Amino acid sequence: MNENDNGIVISSRVRLARNFEDFVFPSRLDDAGSAKVLEKVENALKNSDEKFGTIKLSDMSDLQAETLKELHMISDDMLRGNKNGAVVVNKTNDICIMVNEEDHLREQCILRGNKLSHAYKKISAIDDMIASSEKIAFDKRLGYLTACPTNVGTGLRASALMFLPGLGMTNSLEKCVNAASRFDMAVRGEYGEGSNSSGYLYQISNQKTLGVSEEEIISSVASAVEQIEQSEILARKALVESNEVMLRDGIMRAYGILTSAYRLPFKEFEEKYALVKLGIYYGYISCNDFNAFESLLDKYRPANMMTHAKKIMNDSERDIYRAANAAAELKQLTAKV
């Protein structure tokens, strides 16, 4: 793997918070109003080339809801909040709209890799389609009106999910976080505010939505991501220079566990997977299909794994299933060098 294909930026996400002008916020909306909001969204998108489908929260099984949450398609707030919530999703699952969450609409596009501009373009087209048929709550001075004041203005959150083991292992991440905060950027765990940073996964996003344009936000986040990416590459070089023997030994031990363990809790799988991914970057481990390798982390999350397996499993059964199946896939995809 070369530095231009380093797996540092895992995905890019752009989310727009929007509300309809003639409705109160979802927290005060009755059943009839919630149903009307969903109907308006579906009608606005019925002629879209994306071909959307709707999944109502009331129709979701616990497993389906947890699977969607693991894939960042719905939020904890939605699961805990309005029982009339729904998610409107396109066929490729890269565009989804949470309906009746904190706001009437949380429109988002998630793309693999470093593609913030492309994600913004795709979700902007959907946003324009909805706004062309429905009145959106907007103030000339404040911008888009949202349930949470921190989203007022553009209502836009742009983020990148980044894999930063170099900065984590060299204890340099705090310095990057402090630098990012000075430029109104936040560095959080994979699932946003309050979440842990397991497997060296971090979400970089804008904090400011008021007094800046959407284009300025996208440009600022893209610039921050590029700077952090370069810092990560330098940190990975420093890791090798400081003690390559210990580094390589840790990576190969992780590879041995992933390909030989009888049971693997997800947290341990995530930790060892991160080291193996780093080993692919250094060339200690060869990989014949990096995209397939990248998909393994989501595939073996608890709910997603049971969805793929088409059966409900307890903790122990999941750990044994994960160990056996992940090992088989890794052996097909990778080899020690």
C-alpha atoms as a PDB file:
ATOM      1  CA  MET A   1       0.000   0.000   0.000  1.00  0.00           C
ATOM      2  CA  ASN A   2       1.359   3.435  -0.861  1.00  0.00           C
ATOM      3  CA  GLU A   3       0.756   6.792   0.812  1.00  0.00           C
ATOM      4  CA  ASN A   4      -1.896   7.704  -1.754  1.00  0.00           C
ATOM      5  CA  ASP A   5      -3.889   4.587  -0.813  1.00  0.00           C
ATOM      6  CA  ASN A   6      -3.301   4.545   2.919  1.00  0.00           C
ATOM      7  CA  GLY A   7      -6.752   3.865   4.326  1.00  0.00           C
ATOM      8  CA  ILE A   8      -6.489   6.857   6.666  1.00  0.00           C
ATOM      9  CA  VAL A   9      -9.754   8.518   5.594  1.00  0.00           C
ATOM     10  CA  ILE A  10     -12.318   5.749   5.866  1.00  0.00           C
ATOM     11  CA  SER A  11     -15.446   7.699   4.972  1.00  0.00           C
ATOM     12  CA  SER A  12     -16.832  11.188   4.416  1.00  0.00           C
ATOM     13  CA  ARG A  13     -20.196  12.380   5.648  1.00  0.00           C
ATOM     14  CA  VAL A  14     -22.218  15.540   5.062  1.00  0.00           C
ATOM     15  CA  ARG A  15     -25.411  16.060   7.074  1.00  0.00           C
ATOM     16  CA  LEU A  16     -27.995  18.820   6.725  1.00  0.00           C
ATOM     17  CA  ALA A  17     -30.520  19.645   9.462  1.00  0.00           C
ATOM     18  CA  ARG A  18     -33.787  21.010   8.067  1.00  0.00           C
ATOM     19  CA  ASN A  19     -37.320  21.729   9.308  1.00  0.00           C
ATOM     20  CA  PHE A  20     -40.598  22.442   7.579  1.00  0.00           C
ATOM     21  CA  GLU A  21     -41.893  25.962   8.118  1.00  0.00           C
ATOM     22  CA  ASP A  22     -45.472  25.125   9.071  1.00  0.00           C
ATOM     23  CA  PHE A  23     -44.767  22.428  11.694  1.00  0.00           C
ATOM     24  CA  VAL A  24     -43.537  22.532  15.288  1.00  0.00           C
ATOM     25  CA  PHE A  25     -40.314  20.653  16.055  1.00  0.00           C
ATOM     26  CA  PRO A  26     -40.609  16.834  16.336  1.00  0.00           C
ATOM     27  CA  SER A  27     -40.433  16.858  20.148  1.00  0.00           C
ATOM     28  CA  ARG A  28     -43.802  18.665  20.175  1.00  0.00           C
ATOM     29  CA  LEU A  29     -45.330  17.091  17.085  1.00  0.00           C
ATOM     30  CA  ASP A  30     -48.370  14.822  17.447  1.00  0.00           C
ATOM     31  CA  ASP A  31     -48.883  11.564  15.550  1.00  0.00           C
ATOM     32  CA  ALA A  32     -50.835  13.190  12.727  1.00  0.00           C
ATOM     33  CA  GLY A  33     -48.212  15.896  12.274  1.00  0.00           C
ATOM     34  CA  SER A  34     -45.368  13.361  12.272  1.00  0.00           C
ATOM     35  CA  ALA A  35     -47.127  11.301   9.612  1.00  0.00           C
ATOM     36  CA  LYS A  36     -47.644  14.444   7.522  1.00  0.00           C
ATOM     37  CA  VAL A  37     -43.947  15.326   7.721  1.00  0.00           C
ATOM     38  CA  LEU A  38     -42.995  11.866   6.466  1.00  0.00           C
ATOM     39  CA  GLU A  39     -45.572  12.096   3.685  1.00  0.00           C
ATOM     40  CA  LYS A  40     -44.121  15.426   2.549  1.00  0.00           C
ATOM     41  CA  VAL A  41     -40.607  13.954   2.384  1.00  0.00           C
ATOM     42  CA  GLU A  42     -41.746  10.921   0.409  1.00  0.00           C
ATOM     43  CA  ASN A  43     -43.715  13.058  -2.038  1.00  0.00           C
ATOM     44  CA  ALA A  44     -40.790  15.417  -2.555  1.00  0.00           C
ATOM     45  CA  LEU A  45     -38.505  12.501  -3.455  1.00  0.00           C
ATOM     46  CA  LYS A  46     -40.866  10.323  -5.486  1.00  0.00           C
ATOM     47  CA  ASN A  47     -39.389  11.453  -8.825  1.00  0.00           C
ATOM     48  CA  SER A  48     -35.763  11.237  -7.701  1.00  0.00           C
ATOM     49  CA  ASP A  49     -33.399   9.094  -9.750  1.00  0.00           C
ATOM     50  CA  GLU A  50     -32.100   7.679  -6.441  1.00  0.00           C
ATOM     51  CA  LYS A  51     -35.285   5.604  -5.839  1.00  0.00           C
ATOM     52  CA  PHE A  52     -35.807   5.905  -2.096  1.00  0.00           C
ATOM     53  CA  GLY A  53     -37.538   3.514   0.261  1.00  0.00           C
ATOM     54  CA  THR A  54     -38.929   4.171   3.741  1.00  0.00           C
ATOM     55  CA  ILE A  55     -38.411   2.217   6.947  1.00  0.00           C
ATOM     56  CA  LYS A  56     -40.553   3.341   9.868  1.00  0.00           C
ATOM     57  CA  LEU A  57     -39.124   3.040  13.349  1.00  0.00           C
ATOM     58  CA  SER A  58     -42.317   1.307  14.475  1.00  0.00           C
ATOM     59  CA  ASP A  59     -41.775  -1.384  11.826  1.00  0.00           C
ATOM     60  CA  MET A  60     -38.119  -2.059  12.653  1.00  0.00           C
ATOM     61  CA  SER A  61     -37.028  -5.070  14.648  1.00  0.00           C
ATOM     62  CA  ASP A  62     -34.498  -4.422  17.405  1.00  0.00           C
ATOM     63  CA  LEU A  63     -31.855  -6.095  15.232  1.00  0.00           C
ATOM     64  CA  GLN A  64     -32.637  -3.969  12.189  1.00  0.00           C
ATOM     65  CA  ALA A  65     -32.550  -0.786  14.272  1.00  0.00           C
ATOM     66  CA  GLU A  66     -29.191  -1.717  15.819  1.00  0.00           C
ATOM     67  CA  THR A  67     -27.790  -2.644  12.395  1.00  0.00           C
ATOM     68  CA  LEU A  68     -28.755   0.743  10.965  1.00  0.00           C
ATOM     69  CA  LYS A  69     -27.252   2.490  13.980  1.00  0.00           C
ATOM     70  CA  GLU A  70     -23.950   0.637  13.559  1.00  0.00           C
ATOM     71  CA  LEU A  71     -23.835   1.878   9.961  1.00  0.00           C
ATOM     72  CA  HIS A  72     -24.500   5.502  11.051  1.00  0.00           C
ATOM     73  CA  MET A  73     -27.850   5.528   9.226  1.00  0.00           C
ATOM     74  CA  ILE A  74     -29.905   6.244  12.341  1.00  0.00           C
ATOM     75  CA  SER A  75     -28.949   7.712  15.695  1.00  0.00           C
ATOM     76  CA  ASP A  76     -29.366   6.894  19.364  1.00  0.00           C
ATOM     77  CA  ASP A  77     -31.504  10.025  19.616  1.00  0.00           C
ATOM     78  CA  MET A  78     -33.892   8.609  17.038  1.00  0.00           C
ATOM     79  CA  LEU A  79     -34.142   5.251  18.813  1.00  0.00           C
ATOM     80  CA  ARG A  80     -34.819   6.961  22.151  1.00  0.00           C
ATOM     81  CA  GLY A  81     -37.018   9.724  20.751  1.00  0.00           C
ATOM     82  CA  ASN A  82     -40.068  10.155  18.551  1.00  0.00           C
ATOM     83  CA  LYS A  83     -41.899   6.853  18.063  1.00  0.00           C
ATOM     84  CA  ASN A  84     -43.014   8.216  14.679  1.00  0.00           C
ATOM     85  CA  GLY A  85     -39.457   8.435  13.389  1.00  0.00           C
ATOM     86  CA  ALA A  86     -38.485   6.927  10.053  1.00  0.00           C
ATOM     87  CA  VAL A  87     -35.507   6.688   7.760  1.00  0.00           C
ATOM     88  CA  VAL A  88     -35.739   7.247   4.014  1.00  0.00           C
ATOM     89  CA  VAL A  89     -32.871   5.493   2.211  1.00  0.00           C
ATOM     90  CA  ASN A  90     -31.689   5.130  -1.381  1.00  0.00           C
ATOM     91  CA  LYS A  91     -30.837   1.726  -2.876  1.00  0.00           C
ATOM     92  CA  THR A  92     -27.083   2.065  -2.373  1.00  0.00           C
ATOM     93  CA  ASN A  93     -27.498   3.192   1.277  1.00  0.00           C
ATOM     94  CA  ASP A  94     -25.172   6.163   0.790  1.00  0.00           C
ATOM     95  CA  ILE A  95     -27.977   8.729   1.100  1.00  0.00           C
ATOM     96  CA  CYS A  96     -30.410   8.558   3.980  1.00  0.00           C
ATOM     97  CA  ILE A  97     -32.795  10.979   5.641  1.00  0.00           C
ATOM     98  CA  MET A  98     -33.793  10.606   9.269  1.00  0.00           C
ATOM     99  CA  VAL A  99     -37.345  11.914   9.572  1.00  0.00           C
ATOM    100  CA  ASN A 100     -38.733  13.185  12.890  1.00  0.00           C
ATOM    101  CA  GLU A 101     -35.510  12.830  14.839  1.00  0.00           C
ATOM    102  CA  GLU A 102     -34.420  16.049  16.624  1.00  0.00           C
ATOM    103  CA  ASP A 103     -35.335  17.967  13.454  1.00  0.00           C
ATOM    104  CA  HIS A 104     -37.933  17.107  10.835  1.00  0.00           C
ATOM    105  CA  LEU A 105     -35.124  16.135   8.478  1.00  0.00           C
ATOM    106  CA  ARG A 106     -31.550  15.008   8.976  1.00  0.00           C
ATOM    107  CA  GLU A 107     -30.364  14.553   5.401  1.00  0.00           C
ATOM    108  CA  GLN A 108     -27.006  12.850   5.035  1.00  0.00           C
ATOM    109  CA  CYS A 109     -24.681  11.344   2.484  1.00  0.00           C
ATOM    110  CA  ILE A 110     -21.896   8.957   3.521  1.00  0.00           C
ATOM    111  CA  LEU A 111     -19.262   7.926   0.964  1.00  0.00           C
ATOM    112  CA  ARG A 112     -16.240   5.663   1.364  1.00  0.00           C
ATOM    113  CA  GLY A 113     -12.883   7.424   1.274  1.00  0.00           C
ATOM    114  CA  ASN A 114     -11.937  11.100   1.198  1.00  0.00           C
ATOM    115  CA  LYS A 115     -14.909  12.483  -0.769  1.00  0.00           C
ATOM    116  CA  LEU A 116     -16.369  15.374   1.204  1.00  0.00           C
ATOM    117  CA  SER A 117     -17.030  17.535  -1.860  1.00  0.00           C
ATOM    118  CA  HIS A 118     -18.757  14.691  -3.667  1.00  0.00           C
ATOM    119  CA  ALA A 119     -20.876  13.884  -0.604  1.00  0.00           C
ATOM    120  CA  TYR A 120     -21.857  17.553  -0.306  1.00  0.00           C
ATOM    121  CA  LYS A 121     -22.849  17.703  -3.967  1.00  0.00           C
ATOM    122  CA  LYS A 122     -25.039  14.601  -3.671  1.00  0.00           C
ATOM    123  CA  ILE A 123     -26.887  15.663  -0.526  1.00  0.00           C
ATOM    124  CA  SER A 124     -27.280  19.235  -1.791  1.00  0.00           C
ATOM    125  CA  ALA A 125     -29.162  17.907  -4.810  1.00  0.00           C
ATOM    126  CA  ILE A 126     -31.551  16.035  -2.502  1.00  0.00           C
ATOM    127  CA  ASP A 127     -31.920  19.090  -0.275  1.00  0.00           C
ATOM    128  CA  ASP A 128     -32.755  21.267  -3.290  1.00  0.00           C
ATOM    129  CA  MET A 129     -35.358  18.750  -4.434  1.00  0.00           C
ATOM    130  CA  ILE A 130     -37.131  18.842  -1.068  1.00  0.00           C
ATOM    131  CA  ALA A 131     -36.893  22.633  -0.777  1.00  0.00           C
ATOM    132  CA  SER A 132     -38.360  23.086  -4.249  1.00  0.00           C
ATOM    133  CA  SER A 133     -41.611  21.429  -3.175  1.00  0.00           C
ATOM    134  CA  GLU A 134     -41.867  22.345   0.527  1.00  0.00           C
ATOM    135  CA  LYS A 135     -41.286  25.509   2.599  1.00  0.00           C
ATOM    136  CA  ILE A 136     -38.220  25.120   4.793  1.00  0.00           C
ATOM    137  CA  ALA A 137     -37.873  27.075   8.067  1.00  0.00           C
ATOM    138  CA  PHE A 138     -35.372  29.822   7.236  1.00  0.00           C
ATOM    139  CA  ASP A 139     -34.564  33.236   8.680  1.00  0.00           C
ATOM    140  CA  LYS A 140     -32.772  35.861   6.596  1.00  0.00           C
ATOM    141  CA  ARG A 141     -30.490  36.790   9.486  1.00  0.00           C
ATOM    142  CA  LEU A 142     -29.971  33.443  11.202  1.00  0.00           C
ATOM    143  CA  GLY A 143     -30.246  31.004   8.302  1.00  0.00           C
ATOM    144  CA  TYR A 144     -31.856  27.565   8.679  1.00  0.00           C
ATOM    145  CA  LEU A 145     -33.792  27.190  11.930  1.00  0.00           C
ATOM    146  CA  THR A 146     -33.090  24.014  13.888  1.00  0.00           C
ATOM    147  CA  ALA A 147     -34.193  22.390  17.144  1.00  0.00           C
ATOM    148  CA  CYS A 148     -30.680  22.664  18.595  1.00  0.00           C
ATOM    149  CA  PRO A 149     -29.120  26.176  18.520  1.00  0.00           C
ATOM    150  CA  THR A 150     -25.692  24.715  17.675  1.00  0.00           C
ATOM    151  CA  ASN A 151     -26.997  23.767  14.215  1.00  0.00           C
ATOM    152  CA  VAL A 152     -28.612  27.121  13.368  1.00  0.00           C
ATOM    153  CA  GLY A 153     -27.196  28.803  10.264  1.00  0.00           C
ATOM    154  CA  THR A 154     -26.205  26.381   7.560  1.00  0.00           C
ATOM    155  CA  GLY A 155     -27.431  23.363   9.526  1.00  0.00           C
ATOM    156  CA  LEU A 156     -24.453  21.572   7.996  1.00  0.00           C
ATOM    157  CA  ARG A 157     -22.104  19.110   9.660  1.00  0.00           C
ATOM    158  CA  ALA A 158     -19.268  17.795   7.544  1.00  0.00           C
ATOM    159  CA  SER A 159     -17.127  15.015   8.938  1.00  0.00           C
ATOM    160  CA  ALA A 160     -14.527  12.441   8.047  1.00  0.00           C
ATOM    161  CA  LEU A 161     -13.998   9.136   9.833  1.00  0.00           C
ATOM    162  CA  MET A 162     -10.231   8.682  10.110  1.00  0.00           C
ATOM    163  CA  PHE A 163      -7.966   5.782  11.087  1.00  0.00           C
ATOM    164  CA  LEU A 164      -5.137   7.294  13.175  1.00  0.00           C
ATOM    165  CA  PRO A 165      -3.004   4.588  14.831  1.00  0.00           C
ATOM    166  CA  GLY A 166       0.241   6.497  14.247  1.00  0.00           C
ATOM    167  CA  LEU A 167      -0.944   9.549  16.153  1.00  0.00           C
ATOM    168  CA  GLY A 168      -2.508   7.340  18.816  1.00  0.00           C
ATOM    169  CA  MET A 169       0.579   5.183  19.399  1.00  0.00           C
ATOM    170  CA  THR A 170       2.998   8.129  19.438  1.00  0.00           C
ATOM    171  CA  ASN A 171       0.781  10.048  21.889  1.00  0.00           C
ATOM    172  CA  SER A 172       0.472  12.877  19.362  1.00  0.00           C
ATOM    173  CA  LEU A 173      -3.289  12.866  18.985  1.00  0.00           C
ATOM    174  CA  GLU A 174      -3.931  15.370  21.776  1.00  0.00           C
ATOM    175  CA  LYS A 175      -1.752  17.902  19.978  1.00  0.00           C
ATOM    176  CA  CYS A 176      -3.807  17.416  16.806  1.00  0.00           C
ATOM    177  CA  VAL A 177      -7.062  17.718  18.754  1.00  0.00           C
ATOM    178  CA  ASN A 178      -5.917  20.990  20.325  1.00  0.00           C
ATOM    179  CA  ALA A 179      -4.869  22.345  16.932  1.00  0.00           C
ATOM    180  CA  ALA A 180      -8.188  21.332  15.389  1.00  0.00           C
ATOM    181  CA  SER A 181     -10.211  22.992  18.147  1.00  0.00           C
ATOM    182  CA  ARG A 182      -8.464  26.306  17.455  1.00  0.00           C
ATOM    183  CA  PHE A 183      -9.928  26.142  13.949  1.00  0.00           C
ATOM    184  CA  ASP A 184     -13.457  25.299  15.146  1.00  0.00           C
ATOM    185  CA  MET A 185     -13.040  21.594  14.446  1.00  0.00           C
ATOM    186  CA  ALA A 186     -13.934  18.755  16.791  1.00  0.00           C
ATOM    187  CA  VAL A 187     -12.227  15.367  17.080  1.00  0.00           C
ATOM    188  CA  ARG A 188     -14.473  12.713  18.603  1.00  0.00           C
ATOM    189  CA  GLY A 189     -15.009   8.970  18.702  1.00  0.00           C
ATOM    190  CA  GLU A 190     -16.482   7.079  15.771  1.00  0.00           C
ATOM    191  CA  TYR A 191     -20.088   7.656  16.818  1.00  0.00           C
ATOM    192  CA  GLY A 192     -19.697  11.345  17.613  1.00  0.00           C
ATOM    193  CA  GLU A 193     -19.978  13.248  20.867  1.00  0.00           C
ATOM    194  CA  GLY A 194     -19.616  11.080  23.958  1.00  0.00           C
ATOM    195  CA  SER A 195     -18.475   7.958  22.080  1.00  0.00           C
ATOM    196  CA  ASN A 196     -15.231   6.074  22.634  1.00  0.00           C
ATOM    197  CA  SER A 197     -12.359   5.950  20.167  1.00  0.00           C
ATOM    198  CA  SER A 198     -11.850   2.213  19.733  1.00  0.00           C
ATOM    199  CA  GLY A 199      -9.567   0.845  17.040  1.00  0.00           C
ATOM    200  CA  TYR A 200      -7.950   4.277  16.506  1.00  0.00           C
ATOM    201  CA  LEU A 201     -11.071   5.558  14.729  1.00  0.00           C
ATOM    202  CA  TYR A 202     -11.840   9.254  15.074  1.00  0.00           C
ATOM    203  CA  GLN A 203     -14.432  11.575  13.602  1.00  0.00           C
ATOM    204  CA  ILE A 204     -13.280  15.052  12.533  1.00  0.00           C
ATOM    205  CA  SER A 205     -16.077  17.599  12.022  1.00  0.00           C
ATOM    206  CA  ASN A 206     -16.907  21.289  12.031  1.00  0.00           C
ATOM    207  CA  GLN A 207     -18.267  22.924  15.181  1.00  0.00           C
ATOM    208  CA  LYS A 208     -19.365  26.223  13.640  1.00  0.00           C
ATOM    209  CA  THR A 209     -22.530  26.397  11.516  1.00  0.00           C
ATOM    210  CA  LEU A 210     -23.481  30.067  11.928  1.00  0.00           C
ATOM    211  CA  GLY A 211     -21.783  32.948  10.108  1.00  0.00           C
ATOM    212  CA  VAL A 212     -20.093  30.755   7.486  1.00  0.00           C
ATOM    213  CA  SER A 213     -21.239  29.375   4.154  1.00  0.00           C
ATOM    214  CA  GLU A 214     -21.726  25.699   3.382  1.00  0.00           C
ATOM    215  CA  GLU A 215     -18.831  25.839   0.917  1.00  0.00           C
ATOM    216  CA  GLU A 216     -16.555  27.367   3.567  1.00  0.00           C
ATOM    217  CA  ILE A 217     -17.390  24.569   5.995  1.00  0.00           C
ATOM    218  CA  ILE A 218     -16.624  21.863   3.423  1.00  0.00           C
ATOM    219  CA  SER A 219     -13.346  23.563   2.512  1.00  0.00           C
ATOM    220  CA  SER A 220     -12.309  23.999   6.166  1.00  0.00           C
ATOM    221  CA  VAL A 221     -13.044  20.397   7.120  1.00  0.00           C
ATOM    222  CA  ALA A 222     -11.288  19.096   3.993  1.00  0.00           C
ATOM    223  CA  SER A 223      -8.236  21.192   4.882  1.00  0.00           C
ATOM    224  CA  ALA A 224      -8.217  19.918   8.484  1.00  0.00           C
ATOM    225  CA  VAL A 225      -8.533  16.322   7.283  1.00  0.00           C
ATOM    226  CA  GLU A 226      -5.608  16.795   4.896  1.00  0.00           C
ATOM    227  CA  GLN A 227      -3.413  18.224   7.656  1.00  0.00           C
ATOM    228  CA  ILE A 228      -4.292  15.417  10.074  1.00  0.00           C
ATOM    229  CA  GLU A 229      -3.663  12.861   7.325  1.00  0.00           C
ATOM    230  CA  GLN A 230      -0.160  14.247   6.761  1.00  0.00           C
ATOM    231  CA  SER A 231       0.489  14.236  10.516  1.00  0.00           C
ATOM    232  CA  GLU A 232      -0.603  10.587  10.637  1.00  0.00           C
ATOM    233  CA  ILE A 233       1.813   9.643   7.835  1.00  0.00           C
ATOM    234  CA  LEU A 234       4.686  11.323   9.698  1.00  0.00           C
ATOM    235  CA  ALA A 235       3.673   9.569  12.928  1.00  0.00           C
ATOM    236  CA  ARG A 236       3.702   6.193  11.160  1.00  0.00           C
ATOM    237  CA  LYS A 237       7.264   6.886   9.988  1.00  0.00           C
ATOM    238  CA  ALA A 238       8.235   7.790  13.545  1.00  0.00           C
ATOM    239  CA  LEU A 239       6.800   4.503  14.824  1.00  0.00           C
ATOM    240  CA  VAL A 240       9.067   2.497  12.511  1.00  0.00           C
ATOM    241  CA  GLU A 241      12.099   4.573  13.329  1.00  0.00           C
ATOM    242  CA  SER A 242      11.621   4.279  17.096  1.00  0.00           C
ATOM    243  CA  ASN A 243      11.353   0.468  17.337  1.00  0.00           C
ATOM    244  CA  GLU A 244      10.371  -1.462  14.224  1.00  0.00           C
ATOM    245  CA  VAL A 245      10.983  -4.846  15.848  1.00  0.00           C
ATOM    246  CA  MET A 246       8.427  -4.234  18.599  1.00  0.00           C
ATOM    247  CA  LEU A 247       5.993  -2.679  16.124  1.00  0.00           C
ATOM    248  CA  ARG A 248       6.179  -5.571  13.700  1.00  0.00           C
ATOM    249  CA  ASP A 249       5.953  -8.116  16.507  1.00  0.00           C
ATOM    250  CA  GLY A 250       2.759  -6.502  17.840  1.00  0.00           C
ATOM    251  CA  ILE A 251       1.223  -6.463  14.371  1.00  0.00           C
ATOM    252  CA  MET A 252       2.053 -10.085  13.636  1.00  0.00           C
ATOM    253  CA  ARG A 253       0.766 -11.206  17.039  1.00  0.00           C
ATOM    254  CA  ALA A 254      -2.506  -9.444  16.235  1.00  0.00           C
ATOM    255  CA  TYR A 255      -2.623 -11.206  12.857  1.00  0.00           C
ATOM    256  CA  GLY A 256      -2.039 -14.537  14.578  1.00  0.00           C
ATOM    257  CA  ILE A 257      -4.936 -13.964  16.970  1.00  0.00           C
ATOM    258  CA  LEU A 258      -7.337 -12.898  14.200  1.00  0.00           C
ATOM    259  CA  THR A 259      -6.514 -15.959  12.106  1.00  0.00           C
ATOM    260  CA  SER A 260      -6.364 -18.501  14.947  1.00  0.00           C
ATOM    261  CA  ALA A 261      -8.578 -17.495  17.877  1.00  0.00           C
ATOM    262  CA  TYR A 262     -11.554 -19.651  18.854  1.00  0.00           C
ATOM    263  CA  ARG A 263     -13.573 -16.692  20.137  1.00  0.00           C
ATOM    264  CA  LEU A 264     -13.288 -12.956  19.483  1.00  0.00           C
ATOM    265  CA  PRO A 265     -15.315 -10.283  21.292  1.00  0.00           C
ATOM    266  CA  PHE A 266     -15.880  -7.334  18.978  1.00  0.00           C
ATOM    267  CA  LYS A 267     -13.706  -4.928  20.976  1.00  0.00           C
ATOM    268  CA  GLU A 268     -10.734  -7.284  20.718  1.00  0.00           C
ATOM    269  CA  PHE A 269     -11.468  -7.904  17.041  1.00  0.00           C
ATOM    270  CA  GLU A 270     -11.510  -4.146  16.419  1.00  0.00           C
ATOM    271  CA  GLU A 271      -8.200  -3.618  18.248  1.00  0.00           C
ATOM    272  CA  LYS A 272      -6.408  -6.460  16.446  1.00  0.00           C
ATOM    273  CA  TYR A 273      -7.968  -5.524  13.104  1.00  0.00           C
ATOM    274  CA  ALA A 274      -6.514  -2.008  13.475  1.00  0.00           C
ATOM    275  CA  LEU A 275      -3.005  -3.431  13.930  1.00  0.00           C
ATOM    276  CA  VAL A 276      -3.387  -5.740  10.934  1.00  0.00           C
ATOM    277  CA  LYS A 277      -4.555  -2.803   8.816  1.00  0.00           C
ATOM    278  CA  LEU A 278      -1.437  -0.923   9.909  1.00  0.00           C
ATOM    279  CA  GLY A 279       0.615  -3.986   8.963  1.00  0.00           C
ATOM    280  CA  ILE A 280      -0.847  -3.855   5.448  1.00  0.00           C
ATOM    281  CA  TYR A 281       0.208  -0.219   5.199  1.00  0.00           C
ATOM    282  CA  TYR A 282       3.789  -1.090   6.166  1.00  0.00           C
ATOM    283  CA  GLY A 283       3.912  -4.084   3.833  1.00  0.00           C
ATOM    284  CA  TYR A 284       4.332  -6.646   6.632  1.00  0.00           C
ATOM    285  CA  ILE A 285       1.079  -8.255   5.455  1.00  0.00           C
ATOM    286  CA  SER A 286      -0.049  -8.507   1.830  1.00  0.00           C
ATOM    287  CA  CYS A 287      -3.683  -7.900   0.880  1.00  0.00           C
ATOM    288  CA  ASN A 288      -5.212  -8.890  -2.451  1.00  0.00           C
ATOM    289  CA  ASP A 289      -8.428  -6.854  -2.015  1.00  0.00           C
ATOM    290  CA  PHE A 290      -8.161  -3.864   0.317  1.00  0.00           C
ATOM    291  CA  ASN A 291     -11.782  -2.769  -0.205  1.00  0.00           C
ATOM    292  CA  ALA A 292     -12.974  -6.193   0.930  1.00  0.00           C
ATOM    293  CA  PHE A 293     -10.623  -5.978   3.914  1.00  0.00           C
ATOM    294  CA  GLU A 294     -12.019  -2.531   4.809  1.00  0.00           C
ATOM    295  CA  SER A 295     -15.563  -3.924   4.797  1.00  0.00           C
ATOM    296  CA  LEU A 296     -14.755  -6.530   7.475  1.00  0.00           C
ATOM    297  CA  LEU A 297     -14.939  -4.098  10.394  1.00  0.00           C
ATOM    298  CA  ASP A 298     -18.574  -3.193   9.729  1.00  0.00           C
ATOM    299  CA  LYS A 299     -19.450  -6.730   8.709  1.00  0.00           C
ATOM    300  CA  TYR A 300     -18.394  -8.154  12.072  1.00  0.00           C
ATOM    301  CA  ARG A 301     -20.064  -5.564  14.294  1.00  0.00           C
ATOM    302  CA  PRO A 302     -22.575  -7.455  16.476  1.00  0.00           C
ATOM    303  CA  ALA A 303     -25.859  -6.481  14.809  1.00  0.00           C
ATOM    304  CA  ASN A 304     -24.493  -6.434  11.278  1.00  0.00           C
ATOM    305  CA  MET A 305     -22.932  -9.841  11.773  1.00  0.00           C
ATOM    306  CA  MET A 306     -26.237 -11.353  12.926  1.00  0.00           C
ATOM    307  CA  THR A 307     -27.999  -9.695   9.984  1.00  0.00           C
ATOM    308  CA  HIS A 308     -25.507 -11.287   7.560  1.00  0.00           C
ATOM    309  CA  ALA A 309     -25.751 -14.626   9.367  1.00  0.00           C
ATOM    310  CA  LYS A 310     -29.567 -14.372   9.425  1.00  0.00           C
ATOM    311  CA  LYS A 311     -29.792 -15.565  13.002  1.00  0.00           C
ATOM    312  CA  ILE A 312     -29.891 -14.160  16.527  1.00  0.00           C
ATOM    313  CA  MET A 313     -26.923 -15.114  18.706  1.00  0.00           C
ATOM    314  CA  ASN A 314     -25.969 -14.531  22.319  1.00  0.00           C
ATOM    315  CA  ASP A 315     -22.606 -12.946  23.232  1.00  0.00           C
ATOM    316  CA  SER A 316     -20.684 -16.216  23.333  1.00  0.00           C
ATOM    317  CA  GLU A 317     -22.158 -17.487  20.063  1.00  0.00           C
ATOM    318  CA  ARG A 318     -21.309 -14.189  18.356  1.00  0.00           C
ATOM    319  CA  ASP A 319     -17.713 -14.291  19.577  1.00  0.00           C
ATOM    320  CA  ILE A 320     -17.202 -17.847  18.289  1.00  0.00           C
ATOM    321  CA  TYR A 321     -18.935 -17.098  14.970  1.00  0.00           C
ATOM    322  CA  ARG A 322     -16.860 -13.914  14.501  1.00  0.00           C
ATOM    323  CA  ALA A 323     -13.579 -15.717  15.189  1.00  0.00           C
ATOM    324  CA  ALA A 324     -14.246 -18.550  12.735  1.00  0.00           C
ATOM    325  CA  ASN A 325     -15.662 -16.500   9.897  1.00  0.00           C
ATOM    326  CA  ALA A 326     -13.334 -13.512  10.167  1.00  0.00           C
ATOM    327  CA  ALA A 327     -10.347 -15.888  10.218  1.00  0.00           C
ATOM    328  CA  ALA A 328     -11.548 -17.606   7.046  1.00  0.00           C
ATOM    329  CA  GLU A 329     -12.003 -14.301   5.225  1.00  0.00           C
ATOM    330  CA  LEU A 330      -8.683 -12.897   6.413  1.00  0.00           C
ATOM    331  CA  LYS A 331      -6.835 -15.979   5.199  1.00  0.00           C
ATOM    332  CA  GLN A 332      -8.388 -15.482   1.757  1.00  0.00           C
ATOM    333  CA  LEU A 333      -7.621 -11.764   1.655  1.00  0.00           C
ATOM    334  CA  THR A 334      -4.209 -11.558   3.309  1.00  0.00           C
ATOM    335  CA  ALA A 335      -0.893 -13.296   3.853  1.00  0.00           C
ATOM    336  CA  LYS A 336       2.234 -12.713   5.942  1.00  0.00           C
ATOM    337  CA  VAL A 337       5.164 -11.272   3.964  1.00  0.00           C
END
